[in-house]
Amino acid sequence: MYTGERIVPIKLDLRVNRTVIRDQFLWDLNNFESDPEEFAKTFCADLGIQDPEVGPAIAFSIREQLYEIVVQSVASVRETRINKKGRRGAEYTPVRFVVFFSK
């Protein structure tokens, strides 16, 4: 099920052996067919990179950044829910009056 685009920036700044990679691109979090390993393989082929260690390093960097983005997103949603509950609790807290009568 495709729920629309959720585009995030991915930045590569890697040095693997004698290969230096600095690049940035956009990644759609909601496209579950996107595969960091496949992207890295194509990236290396397009640039003519022969070092077999570069592809896995690129894929790892992408996965690491995607993980951080998702963790931050979940934390943000939790914080929003807590804030809403806190406000709701303050707004809807019943007020009780105790009245004492003396004779």
Protein backbone atom coordinates (compact mmCIF):
# COMPACT_ATOMS: atom_id res chain seq x y z
CA MET A 1 0.00 0.00 0.00
CA TYR A 2 1.48 3.31 -1.09
CA THR A 3 0.63 6.17 1.25
CA GLY A 4 2.16 9.07 -0.67
CA GLU A 5 5.65 10.46 -0.75
CA ARG A 6 7.73 11.21 2.30
CA ILE A 7 10.94 12.62 0.89
CA VAL A 8 14.03 12.97 3.10
CA PRO A 9 17.57 14.09 2.24
CA ILE A 10 20.38 11.53 2.42
CA LYS A 11 23.98 12.72 2.54
CA LEU A 12 27.01 10.59 1.82
CA ASP A 13 30.40 11.67 3.09
CA LEU A 14 32.51 8.52 3.04
CA ARG A 15 36.11 7.50 2.66
CA VAL A 16 36.60 3.82 1.93
CA ASN A 17 40.20 2.82 1.22
CA ARG A 18 41.20 5.23 -1.56
CA THR A 19 37.67 6.16 -2.60
CA VAL A 20 36.05 9.35 -1.33
CA ILE A 21 32.33 9.82 -1.83
CA ARG A 22 30.48 13.08 -1.19
CA ASP A 23 26.98 13.20 -2.51
CA GLN A 24 23.42 13.96 -1.48
CA PHE A 25 20.09 12.86 -2.85
CA LEU A 26 16.44 12.50 -1.86
CA TRP A 27 14.94 9.24 -0.58
CA ASP A 28 11.23 8.40 -0.37
CA LEU A 29 10.58 6.69 2.98
CA ASN A 30 7.18 5.46 1.82
CA ASN A 31 8.55 3.65 -1.23
CA PHE A 32 9.19 0.21 0.24
CA GLU A 33 10.63 -1.02 -3.05
CA SER A 34 13.67 1.25 -2.59
CA ASP A 35 16.62 -0.83 -1.46
CA PRO A 36 19.84 0.75 -0.13
CA GLU A 37 21.94 -2.20 -1.33
CA GLU A 38 20.52 -2.02 -4.84
CA PHE A 39 20.97 1.75 -4.88
CA ALA A 40 24.60 1.39 -3.77
CA LYS A 41 25.26 -1.23 -6.43
CA THR A 42 23.83 1.01 -9.17
CA PHE A 43 25.63 4.06 -7.75
CA CYS A 44 29.00 2.28 -7.89
CA ALA A 45 28.34 0.94 -11.39
CA ASP A 46 27.34 4.41 -12.66
CA LEU A 47 30.51 5.97 -11.25
CA GLY A 48 32.77 3.08 -12.26
CA ILE A 49 33.80 2.32 -8.69
CA GLN A 50 35.50 -1.09 -8.59
CA ASP A 51 36.32 -1.36 -4.85
CA PRO A 52 34.01 -4.07 -3.43
CA GLU A 53 33.94 -2.39 -0.01
CA VAL A 54 32.40 0.88 -1.23
CA GLY A 55 28.92 -0.47 -2.06
CA PRO A 56 28.27 -1.98 1.39
CA ALA A 57 29.58 1.21 3.04
CA ILE A 58 27.15 3.32 1.00
CA ALA A 59 24.23 1.00 1.82
CA PHE A 60 25.15 1.04 5.52
CA SER A 61 25.30 4.85 5.55
CA ILE A 62 21.89 5.09 3.89
CA ARG A 63 20.32 2.59 6.32
CA GLU A 64 21.88 4.38 9.28
CA GLN A 65 20.42 7.72 8.21
CA LEU A 66 17.01 6.22 7.47
CA TYR A 67 17.00 4.63 10.93
CA GLU A 68 17.81 7.96 12.60
CA ILE A 69 15.07 9.72 10.63
CA VAL A 70 12.49 7.11 11.65
CA VAL A 71 13.57 7.20 15.32
CA GLN A 72 13.29 11.00 15.38
CA SER A 73 9.90 10.79 13.69
CA VAL A 74 8.57 8.27 16.24
CA ALA A 75 9.91 10.38 19.12
CA SER A 76 8.21 13.44 17.66
CA VAL A 77 4.88 11.63 17.35
CA ARG A 78 5.12 10.36 20.93
CA GLU A 79 5.92 13.84 22.20
CA THR A 80 2.96 15.27 20.31
CA ARG A 81 0.62 12.65 21.76
CA ILE A 82 1.91 13.25 25.29
CA ASN A 83 1.48 16.99 24.89
CA LYS A 84 -2.06 16.55 23.62
CA LYS A 85 -2.91 14.22 26.49
CA GLY A 86 -1.40 16.66 28.96
CA ARG A 87 -3.46 19.53 27.58
CA ARG A 88 -6.55 17.40 27.37
CA GLY A 89 -6.07 16.31 30.96
CA ALA A 90 -5.77 19.91 32.12
CA GLU A 91 -8.78 21.03 30.13
CA TYR A 92 -11.08 18.21 31.18
CA THR A 93 -10.08 17.69 34.78
CA PRO A 94 -13.29 17.84 36.77
CA VAL A 95 -13.31 20.45 39.47
CA ARG A 96 -14.81 19.38 42.76
CA PHE A 97 -16.08 21.77 45.33
CA VAL A 98 -16.36 20.83 48.94
CA VAL A 99 -18.68 22.97 50.94
CA PHE A 100 -18.73 22.86 54.73
CA PHE A 101 -21.73 24.13 56.66
CA SER A 102 -21.35 25.04 60.25
CA LYS A 103 -24.23 25.16 62.73
